[in-house]
Amino acid sequence: MHKYTPVFILLFVALLIPEFAYANFSIKSWNLGLAGYTQYVGKIQTNEAGDKNSFDFNPMLLAGTTLEVPYLPFLITEIGSTLPHDGRDPNISKFNYFISALSGVTWKDIQFLTGAGLAFNYISSSGGQEPLQNGNQMENWPLPDGSTITRNVVIPLGLRYALIDKFTLEAMAHVFNPTNTRNRAVSYFVGLQFNFDWEGKP
């Protein structure tokens, strides 16, 4: 992440605070959901033949609110987190989580969404070495000792489709490094949300 990105985020939040402090806004609904998460599509090798990942069902818990705000058709705040799990290497434990703010347009029962968000990747390992294939021979490679968290600004692009009753289908992609063709990556999740009504101001 660019070193000035946190400064821009703080300035953006600071500009929003007065608006929300005095504006007439309300929470319209909130939701809970479950999704399957795939990280860095086409970037992770899955076998010795060199195949890359396209779908990984990593369970992800979702929660969010839909607000009525000035100047926007609606504002959705959303958070999500995978369950802690082993990576493709069983010696490394990881989980992913994100926060995002979304808006967009509604057409019939479909909301087309975009916005901005932060994605976090937590990795931990007890250290040591692991033998891995390197060409025709095995070599020992070091494992990380301790835990690390990486964070990235992402551009969410997706949609929500209203199903029967209070259920909503959500498909969302997170675009990493959108202006960098070399380092650009996409993660996505597809899941089902259950919506709860919330009348009145927060």
Protein backbone atom coordinates (compact mmCIF):
# COMPACT_ATOMS: atom_id res chain seq x y z
CA MET A 1 0.00 0.00 0.00
CA HIS A 2 1.23 3.48 -0.85
CA LYS A 3 2.70 5.26 2.19
CA TYR A 4 0.29 8.19 1.82
CA THR A 5 -2.86 6.05 1.56
CA PRO A 6 -3.66 6.17 5.33
CA VAL A 7 -3.46 9.97 5.19
CA PHE A 8 -5.98 10.10 2.33
CA ILE A 9 -8.30 7.73 4.20
CA LEU A 10 -8.19 9.86 7.35
CA LEU A 11 -8.90 13.00 5.33
CA PHE A 12 -11.83 11.29 3.63
CA VAL A 13 -13.30 10.20 6.97
CA ALA A 14 -12.73 13.67 8.44
CA LEU A 15 -14.70 15.21 5.58
CA LEU A 16 -17.57 12.79 6.12
CA ILE A 17 -17.88 13.28 9.88
CA PRO A 18 -19.47 16.77 9.76
CA GLU A 19 -21.85 15.64 7.00
CA PHE A 20 -23.13 12.70 8.99
CA ALA A 21 -23.14 14.62 12.27
CA TYR A 22 -25.73 17.12 11.01
CA ALA A 23 -27.48 15.33 8.16
CA ASN A 24 -30.79 13.52 8.43
CA PHE A 25 -29.71 9.94 7.78
CA SER A 26 -31.10 6.65 9.01
CA ILE A 27 -30.33 2.96 9.05
CA LYS A 28 -32.73 1.21 6.67
CA SER A 29 -31.68 -2.40 7.29
CA TRP A 30 -28.86 -4.64 8.40
CA ASN A 31 -27.75 -8.06 7.28
CA LEU A 32 -25.81 -11.19 8.17
CA GLY A 33 -24.48 -13.64 5.64
CA LEU A 34 -22.22 -16.51 4.68
CA ALA A 35 -20.05 -16.63 1.56
CA GLY A 36 -17.28 -18.56 -0.14
CA TYR A 37 -14.09 -16.53 -0.64
CA THR A 38 -11.43 -16.95 -3.34
CA GLN A 39 -8.18 -14.98 -2.97
CA TYR A 40 -6.01 -13.69 -5.84
CA VAL A 41 -7.67 -15.47 -8.77
CA GLY A 42 -5.12 -16.91 -11.21
CA LYS A 43 -2.16 -15.88 -9.05
CA ILE A 44 -1.72 -18.93 -6.80
CA GLN A 45 -0.28 -22.20 -8.12
CA THR A 46 -2.36 -25.18 -7.04
CA ASN A 47 -0.25 -28.16 -8.17
CA GLU A 48 3.10 -29.21 -9.62
CA ALA A 49 1.68 -28.99 -13.16
CA GLY A 50 1.45 -25.23 -12.74
CA ASP A 51 -2.34 -24.87 -12.64
CA LYS A 52 -3.60 -21.65 -11.03
CA ASN A 53 -6.52 -21.13 -8.67
CA SER A 54 -9.96 -20.06 -9.88
CA PHE A 55 -12.29 -21.08 -7.04
CA ASP A 56 -11.58 -21.80 -3.38
CA PHE A 57 -14.42 -22.27 -0.95
CA ASN A 58 -13.04 -20.49 2.12
CA PRO A 59 -16.07 -19.81 4.37
CA MET A 60 -16.53 -16.08 5.03
CA LEU A 61 -18.86 -14.43 7.56
CA LEU A 62 -20.48 -11.17 6.43
CA ALA A 63 -22.30 -8.35 8.18
CA GLY A 64 -23.45 -4.93 7.04
CA THR A 65 -25.92 -2.09 7.14
CA THR A 66 -27.82 -0.15 4.48
CA LEU A 67 -28.24 3.57 5.22
CA GLU A 68 -30.29 6.34 3.68
CA VAL A 69 -27.94 9.32 3.32
CA PRO A 70 -27.93 12.66 1.48
CA TYR A 71 -26.52 12.86 -2.06
CA LEU A 72 -26.39 9.06 -2.58
CA PRO A 73 -29.08 6.57 -3.60
CA PHE A 74 -28.00 4.50 -0.57
CA LEU A 75 -24.86 3.67 1.39
CA ILE A 76 -23.89 0.11 2.36
CA THR A 77 -21.22 -0.55 4.95
CA GLU A 78 -19.93 -4.11 4.95
CA ILE A 79 -17.41 -6.19 6.88
CA GLY A 80 -16.36 -9.76 6.30
CA SER A 81 -13.90 -12.31 7.63
CA THR A 82 -12.88 -15.81 6.70
CA LEU A 83 -12.47 -18.38 9.44
CA PRO A 84 -8.87 -19.08 10.49
CA HIS A 85 -7.60 -21.89 8.29
CA ASP A 86 -4.46 -23.51 6.93
CA GLY A 87 -3.18 -22.14 3.66
CA ARG A 88 -2.11 -24.38 0.81
CA ASP A 89 0.93 -24.96 3.00
CA PRO A 90 -0.31 -26.74 6.19
CA ASN A 91 2.52 -25.13 8.19
CA ILE A 92 1.00 -21.66 7.68
CA SER A 93 -2.26 -20.46 9.25
CA LYS A 94 -4.13 -17.51 7.76
CA PHE A 95 -7.37 -15.59 7.56
CA ASN A 96 -8.64 -12.63 5.56
CA TYR A 97 -10.96 -9.80 6.51
CA PHE A 98 -12.18 -6.55 4.96
CA ILE A 99 -14.22 -3.40 5.49
CA SER A 100 -15.91 -1.49 2.68
CA ALA A 101 -18.35 1.31 1.84
CA LEU A 102 -20.57 0.79 -1.19
CA SER A 103 -23.13 2.63 -3.26
CA GLY A 104 -24.52 2.30 -6.77
CA VAL A 105 -27.74 2.00 -8.71
CA THR A 106 -30.80 -0.22 -8.42
CA TRP A 107 -32.48 -1.86 -11.42
CA LYS A 108 -35.54 -3.94 -10.58
CA ASP A 109 -34.33 -6.48 -7.98
CA ILE A 110 -30.61 -5.92 -8.63
CA GLN A 111 -28.20 -3.44 -7.01
CA PHE A 112 -25.01 -2.73 -8.96
CA LEU A 113 -22.36 -1.74 -6.43
CA THR A 114 -18.95 -0.13 -6.22
CA GLY A 115 -17.04 1.89 -3.64
CA ALA A 116 -13.84 1.63 -1.63
CA GLY A 117 -12.49 -0.70 1.00
CA LEU A 118 -9.57 -2.06 2.96
CA ALA A 119 -8.55 -5.73 2.74
CA PHE A 120 -6.34 -7.41 5.34
CA ASN A 121 -4.39 -10.66 5.12
CA TYR A 122 -3.19 -12.30 8.37
CA ILE A 123 -0.53 -15.03 8.19
CA SER A 124 1.17 -16.87 11.04
CA SER A 125 3.69 -19.68 11.32
CA SER A 126 5.93 -21.17 13.99
CA GLY A 127 9.08 -20.83 11.88
CA GLY A 128 11.57 -23.51 10.91
CA GLN A 129 12.21 -24.91 7.46
CA GLU A 130 10.20 -26.87 4.94
CA PRO A 131 11.59 -29.11 2.16
CA LEU A 132 10.18 -28.12 -1.24
CA GLN A 133 10.81 -29.23 -4.78
CA ASN A 134 13.14 -26.89 -6.71
CA GLY A 135 13.64 -28.25 -10.20
CA ASN A 136 14.97 -31.78 -9.91
CA GLN A 137 16.01 -31.54 -6.28
CA MET A 138 14.59 -30.79 -2.84
CA GLU A 139 15.68 -27.70 -0.95
CA ASN A 140 14.87 -26.37 2.50
CA TRP A 141 12.97 -23.09 2.51
CA PRO A 142 12.49 -20.94 5.61
CA LEU A 143 9.01 -20.53 7.10
CA PRO A 144 7.97 -17.20 8.62
CA ASP A 145 8.40 -16.99 12.38
CA GLY A 146 5.48 -15.22 14.04
CA SER A 147 2.60 -13.37 12.40
CA THR A 148 2.21 -10.58 9.85
CA ILE A 149 -0.73 -8.51 8.61
CA THR A 150 -0.76 -6.92 5.18
CA ARG A 151 -3.39 -4.37 4.14
CA ASN A 152 -4.45 -3.02 0.78
CA VAL A 153 -6.90 -0.46 -0.52
CA VAL A 154 -9.35 -2.26 -2.82
CA ILE A 155 -12.05 -1.24 -5.29
CA PRO A 156 -15.16 -3.39 -4.76
CA LEU A 157 -17.25 -4.23 -7.85
CA GLY A 158 -20.32 -6.40 -7.55
CA LEU A 159 -24.04 -6.82 -7.26
CA ARG A 160 -26.82 -7.90 -4.96
CA TYR A 161 -29.93 -9.71 -6.18
CA ALA A 162 -33.08 -9.83 -4.04
CA LEU A 163 -34.36 -13.39 -3.71
CA ILE A 164 -37.49 -14.63 -1.95
CA ASP A 165 -38.46 -13.17 1.42
CA LYS A 166 -35.48 -11.40 3.02
CA PHE A 167 -32.68 -13.31 1.31
CA THR A 168 -30.18 -11.60 -0.99
CA LEU A 169 -27.54 -13.14 -3.24
CA GLU A 170 -24.29 -11.15 -3.29
CA ALA A 171 -21.36 -11.49 -5.69
CA MET A 172 -18.46 -9.13 -5.02
CA ALA A 173 -14.95 -8.74 -6.45
CA HIS A 174 -12.18 -6.79 -4.72
CA VAL A 175 -9.68 -5.29 -7.15
CA PHE A 176 -6.17 -4.84 -5.72
CA ASN A 177 -3.77 -2.33 -7.30
CA PRO A 178 -6.26 -1.32 -10.03
CA THR A 179 -3.85 1.10 -11.73
CA ASN A 180 -0.88 -1.30 -11.77
CA THR A 181 -1.18 -3.84 -14.58
CA ARG A 182 1.72 -5.91 -13.25
CA ASN A 183 0.56 -6.19 -9.64
CA ARG A 184 -3.19 -6.05 -10.17
CA ALA A 185 -5.08 -8.91 -8.53
CA VAL A 186 -8.69 -9.84 -7.91
CA SER A 187 -10.29 -11.69 -5.02
CA TYR A 188 -14.01 -12.42 -4.87
CA PHE A 189 -16.76 -13.91 -2.78
CA VAL A 190 -20.25 -15.22 -3.54
CA GLY A 191 -22.71 -15.57 -0.70
CA LEU A 192 -26.19 -15.40 0.72
CA GLN A 193 -27.38 -12.60 2.99
CA PHE A 194 -30.35 -12.43 5.35
CA ASN A 195 -31.76 -8.92 5.81
CA PHE A 196 -33.30 -7.44 8.95
CA ASP A 197 -35.46 -4.31 8.94
CA TRP A 198 -34.33 -1.37 11.08
CA GLU A 199 -36.67 1.58 11.40
CA GLY A 200 -35.67 4.93 12.87
CA LYS A 201 -32.44 6.83 13.32
CA PRO A 202 -29.34 5.29 14.89
